């Protein structure tokens, strides 16, 4: 299950690319960031994965 926390315009410094269940994320501490593309550019949803 995924719980969305917030959306960000950039990743925190030190976020590392990871793959979970075939999905690309960036991990920083215990928070995963899911990249989302739109006409406005890329933003990142901060999510907690269970």
PDB file of N, CA and C in Angstrom:
ATOM      1  N   UNK A   1       0.845  -1.182   0.000  1.00  0.00           N
ATOM      2  CA  UNK A   1       0.000   0.000   0.000  1.00  0.00           C
ATOM      3  C   UNK A   1       0.882   1.235   0.000  1.00  0.00           C
ATOM      4  N   UNK A   2       0.468   2.254  -0.744  1.00  0.00           N
ATOM      5  CA  UNK A   2       1.216   3.508  -0.836  1.00  0.00           C
ATOM      6  C   UNK A   2       0.409   4.610  -0.174  1.00  0.00           C
ATOM      7  N   UNK A   3       1.065   5.388   0.678  1.00  0.00           N
ATOM      8  CA  UNK A   3       0.444   6.555   1.298  1.00  0.00           C
ATOM      9  C   UNK A   3       1.185   7.797   0.818  1.00  0.00           C
ATOM     10  N   UNK A   4       0.493   8.673   0.080  1.00  0.00           N
ATOM     11  CA  UNK A   4       1.110   9.909  -0.386  1.00  0.00           C
ATOM     12  C   UNK A   4       1.176  10.911   0.751  1.00  0.00           C
ATOM     13  N   UNK A   5       2.314  11.546   0.883  1.00  0.00           N
ATOM     14  CA  UNK A   5       2.509  12.530   1.948  1.00  0.00           C
ATOM     15  C   UNK A   5       2.431  13.941   1.372  1.00  0.00           C
ATOM     16  N   UNK A   6       3.327  14.280   0.458  1.00  0.00           N
ATOM     17  CA  UNK A   6       3.387  15.610  -0.149  1.00  0.00           C
ATOM     18  C   UNK A   6       4.007  15.508  -1.532  1.00  0.00           C
ATOM     19  N   UNK A   7       3.885  16.561  -2.317  1.00  0.00           N
ATOM     20  CA  UNK A   7       4.542  16.642  -3.616  1.00  0.00           C
ATOM     21  C   UNK A   7       5.616  17.730  -3.560  1.00  0.00           C
ATOM     22  N   UNK A   8       6.745  17.465  -4.220  1.00  0.00           N
ATOM     23  CA  UNK A   8       7.882  18.387  -4.211  1.00  0.00           C
ATOM     24  C   UNK A   8       8.343  18.658  -5.635  1.00  0.00           C
ATOM     25  N   UNK A   9       8.961  19.832  -5.840  1.00  0.00           N
ATOM     26  CA  UNK A   9       9.505  20.198  -7.142  1.00  0.00           C
ATOM     27  C   UNK A   9      10.891  19.607  -7.376  1.00  0.00           C
ATOM     28  N   UNK A  10      11.567  19.227  -6.303  1.00  0.00           N
ATOM     29  CA  UNK A  10      12.908  18.648  -6.438  1.00  0.00           C
ATOM     30  C   UNK A  10      13.115  17.614  -5.334  1.00  0.00           C
ATOM     31  N   UNK A  11      14.151  16.822  -5.519  1.00  0.00           N
ATOM     32  CA  UNK A  11      14.483  15.792  -4.537  1.00  0.00           C
ATOM     33  C   UNK A  11      15.406  16.356  -3.470  1.00  0.00           C
ATOM     34  N   UNK A  12      15.360  15.794  -2.268  1.00  0.00           N
ATOM     35  CA  UNK A  12      16.333  16.219  -1.259  1.00  0.00           C
ATOM     36  C   UNK A  12      17.739  15.775  -1.664  1.00  0.00           C
ATOM     37  N   UNK A  13      18.721  16.547  -1.295  1.00  0.00           N
ATOM     38  CA  UNK A  13      20.098  16.186  -1.585  1.00  0.00           C
ATOM     39  C   UNK A  13      20.416  14.859  -0.910  1.00  0.00           C
ATOM     40  N   UNK A  14      20.993  13.942  -1.657  1.00  0.00           N
ATOM     41  CA  UNK A  14      21.330  12.628  -1.105  1.00  0.00           C
ATOM     42  C   UNK A  14      20.309  11.543  -1.406  1.00  0.00           C
ATOM     43  N   UNK A  15      19.197  11.881  -2.073  1.00  0.00           N
ATOM     44  CA  UNK A  15      18.207  10.868  -2.450  1.00  0.00           C
ATOM     45  C   UNK A  15      18.837   9.911  -3.462  1.00  0.00           C
ATOM     46  N   UNK A  16      18.628   8.618  -3.271  1.00  0.00           N
ATOM     47  CA  UNK A  16      19.224   7.582  -4.113  1.00  0.00           C
ATOM     48  C   UNK A  16      18.167   6.901  -4.971  1.00  0.00           C
ATOM     49  N   UNK A  17      18.457   6.620  -6.245  1.00  0.00           N
ATOM     50  CA  UNK A  17      17.490   5.889  -7.081  1.00  0.00           C
ATOM     51  C   UNK A  17      17.367   4.441  -6.619  1.00  0.00           C
ATOM     52  N   UNK A  18      16.147   3.953  -6.523  1.00  0.00           N
ATOM     53  CA  UNK A  18      15.874   2.564  -6.149  1.00  0.00           C
ATOM     54  C   UNK A  18      14.685   2.064  -6.968  1.00  0.00           C
ATOM     55  N   UNK A  19      14.553   0.748  -7.040  1.00  0.00           N
ATOM     56  CA  UNK A  19      13.412   0.139  -7.715  1.00  0.00           C
ATOM     57  C   UNK A  19      12.664  -0.728  -6.709  1.00  0.00           C
ATOM     58  N   UNK A  20      11.359  -0.543  -6.613  1.00  0.00           N
ATOM     59  CA  UNK A  20      10.510  -1.344  -5.741  1.00  0.00           C
ATOM     60  C   UNK A  20       9.351  -1.873  -6.559  1.00  0.00           C
ATOM     61  N   UNK A  21       9.185  -3.189  -6.602  1.00  0.00           N
ATOM     62  CA  UNK A  21       8.083  -3.807  -7.344  1.00  0.00           C
ATOM     63  C   UNK A  21       8.023  -3.321  -8.793  1.00  0.00           C
ATOM     64  N   UNK A  22       9.184  -3.134  -9.416  1.00  0.00           N
ATOM     65  CA  UNK A  22       9.244  -2.714 -10.804  1.00  0.00           C
ATOM     66  C   UNK A  22       9.018  -1.233 -11.037  1.00  0.00           C
ATOM     67  N   UNK A  23       8.867  -0.461  -9.986  1.00  0.00           N
ATOM     68  CA  UNK A  23       8.619   0.988 -10.088  1.00  0.00           C
ATOM     69  C   UNK A  23       9.876   1.742  -9.660  1.00  0.00           C
ATOM     70  N   UNK A  24      10.248   2.775 -10.415  1.00  0.00           N
ATOM     71  CA  UNK A  24      11.412   3.600 -10.075  1.00  0.00           C
ATOM     72  C   UNK A  24      11.031   4.634  -9.021  1.00  0.00           C
ATOM     73  N   UNK A  25      11.787   4.691  -7.953  1.00  0.00           N
ATOM     74  CA  UNK A  25      11.628   5.674  -6.881  1.00  0.00           C
ATOM     75  C   UNK A  25      12.991   6.278  -6.586  1.00  0.00           C
ATOM     76  N   UNK A  26      12.980   7.313  -5.768  1.00  0.00           N
ATOM     77  CA  UNK A  26      14.191   7.833  -5.156  1.00  0.00           C
ATOM     78  C   UNK A  26      13.967   7.751  -3.656  1.00  0.00           C
ATOM     79  N   UNK A  27      14.956   7.234  -2.930  1.00  0.00           N
ATOM     80  CA  UNK A  27      14.804   7.042  -1.486  1.00  0.00           C
ATOM     81  C   UNK A  27      15.700   8.013  -0.728  1.00  0.00           C
ATOM     82  N   UNK A  28      15.110   8.638   0.277  1.00  0.00           N
ATOM     83  CA  UNK A  28      15.846   9.489   1.202  1.00  0.00           C
ATOM     84  C   UNK A  28      15.362   9.151   2.597  1.00  0.00           C
ATOM     85  N   UNK A  29      16.271   8.617   3.431  1.00  0.00           N
ATOM     86  CA  UNK A  29      15.905   8.090   4.745  1.00  0.00           C
ATOM     87  C   UNK A  29      14.809   7.052   4.579  1.00  0.00           C
ATOM     88  N   UNK A  30      13.645   7.204   5.194  1.00  0.00           N
ATOM     89  CA  UNK A  30      12.582   6.191   5.045  1.00  0.00           C
ATOM     90  C   UNK A  30      11.453   6.667   4.139  1.00  0.00           C
ATOM     91  N   UNK A  31      11.707   7.730   3.375  1.00  0.00           N
ATOM     92  CA  UNK A  31      10.704   8.268   2.460  1.00  0.00           C
ATOM     93  C   UNK A  31      11.103   7.944   1.021  1.00  0.00           C
ATOM     94  N   UNK A  32      10.129   7.501   0.244  1.00  0.00           N
ATOM     95  CA  UNK A  32      10.328   7.228  -1.178  1.00  0.00           C
ATOM     96  C   UNK A  32       9.670   8.350  -1.980  1.00  0.00           C
ATOM     97  N   UNK A  33      10.333   8.767  -3.048  1.00  0.00           N
ATOM     98  CA  UNK A  33       9.828   9.828  -3.915  1.00  0.00           C
ATOM     99  C   UNK A  33       9.520   9.227  -5.273  1.00  0.00           C
ATOM    100  N   UNK A  34       8.275   9.367  -5.699  1.00  0.00           N
ATOM    101  CA  UNK A  34       7.810   8.832  -6.966  1.00  0.00           C
ATOM    102  C   UNK A  34       7.770   9.959  -7.987  1.00  0.00           C
ATOM    103  N   UNK A  35       8.611   9.902  -9.049  1.00  0.00           N
ATOM    104  CA  UNK A  35       8.605  10.968 -10.051  1.00  0.00           C
ATOM    105  C   UNK A  35       7.298  10.979 -10.841  1.00  0.00           C
ATOM    106  N   UNK A  36       6.782  12.160 -11.104  1.00  0.00           N
ATOM    107  CA  UNK A  36       5.556  12.360 -11.873  1.00  0.00           C
ATOM    108  C   UNK A  36       5.805  13.442 -12.914  1.00  0.00           C
ATOM    109  N   UNK A  37       5.497  13.136 -14.174  1.00  0.00           N
ATOM    110  CA  UNK A  37       5.666  14.113 -15.253  1.00  0.00           C
ATOM    111  C   UNK A  37       4.336  14.772 -15.589  1.00  0.00           C
ATOM    112  N   UNK A  38       4.408  16.050 -15.909  1.00  0.00           N
ATOM    113  CA  UNK A  38       3.225  16.787 -16.361  1.00  0.00           C
ATOM    114  C   UNK A  38       3.699  17.881 -17.309  1.00  0.00           C
ATOM    115  N   UNK A  39       2.777  18.652 -17.832  1.00  0.00           N
ATOM    116  CA  UNK A  39       3.140  19.770 -18.707  1.00  0.00           C
ATOM    117  C   UNK A  39       4.003  20.794 -17.976  1.00  0.00           C
ATOM    118  N   UNK A  40       3.862  20.854 -16.669  1.00  0.00           N
ATOM    119  CA  UNK A  40       4.631  21.798 -15.863  1.00  0.00           C
ATOM    120  C   UNK A  40       6.023  21.274 -15.523  1.00  0.00           C
ATOM    121  N   UNK A  41       6.337  20.038 -15.929  1.00  0.00           N
ATOM    122  CA  UNK A  41       7.646  19.452 -15.638  1.00  0.00           C
ATOM    123  C   UNK A  41       7.516  18.245 -14.731  1.00  0.00           C
ATOM    124  N   UNK A  42       8.609  17.917 -14.076  1.00  0.00           N
ATOM    125  CA  UNK A  42       8.634  16.761 -13.182  1.00  0.00           C
ATOM    126  C   UNK A  42       8.489  17.229 -11.744  1.00  0.00           C
ATOM    127  N   UNK A  43       7.639  16.544 -10.995  1.00  0.00           N
ATOM    128  CA  UNK A  43       7.598  16.747  -9.555  1.00  0.00           C
ATOM    129  C   UNK A  43       7.622  15.378  -8.899  1.00  0.00           C
ATOM    130  N   UNK A  44       7.794  15.332  -7.606  1.00  0.00           N
ATOM    131  CA  UNK A  44       8.023  14.096  -6.884  1.00  0.00           C
ATOM    132  C   UNK A  44       7.020  13.959  -5.752  1.00  0.00           C
ATOM    133  N   UNK A  45       6.314  12.840  -5.750  1.00  0.00           N
ATOM    134  CA  UNK A  45       5.388  12.549  -4.669  1.00  0.00           C
ATOM    135  C   UNK A  45       6.149  11.817  -3.576  1.00  0.00           C
ATOM    136  N   UNK A  46       6.124  12.358  -2.380  1.00  0.00           N
ATOM    137  CA  UNK A  46       6.730  11.691  -1.240  1.00  0.00           C
ATOM    138  C   UNK A  46       5.731  10.661  -0.722  1.00  0.00           C
ATOM    139  N   UNK A  47       6.158   9.406  -0.659  1.00  0.00           N
ATOM    140  CA  UNK A  47       5.254   8.333  -0.264  1.00  0.00           C
ATOM    141  C   UNK A  47       5.916   7.446   0.786  1.00  0.00           C
ATOM    142  N   UNK A  48       5.098   6.806   1.596  1.00  0.00           N
ATOM    143  CA  UNK A  48       5.542   5.759   2.504  1.00  0.00           C
ATOM    144  C   UNK A  48       5.063   4.449   1.918  1.00  0.00           C
ATOM    145  N   UNK A  49       5.955   3.508   1.754  1.00  0.00           N
ATOM    146  CA  UNK A  49       5.600   2.196   1.230  1.00  0.00           C
ATOM    147  C   UNK A  49       5.448   1.223   2.382  1.00  0.00           C
ATOM    148  N   UNK A  50       4.383   0.442   2.350  1.00  0.00           N
ATOM    149  CA  UNK A  50       4.169  -0.585   3.383  1.00  0.00           C
ATOM    150  C   UNK A  50       4.550  -1.927   2.839  1.00  0.00           C
TER     151      UNK A  50
END
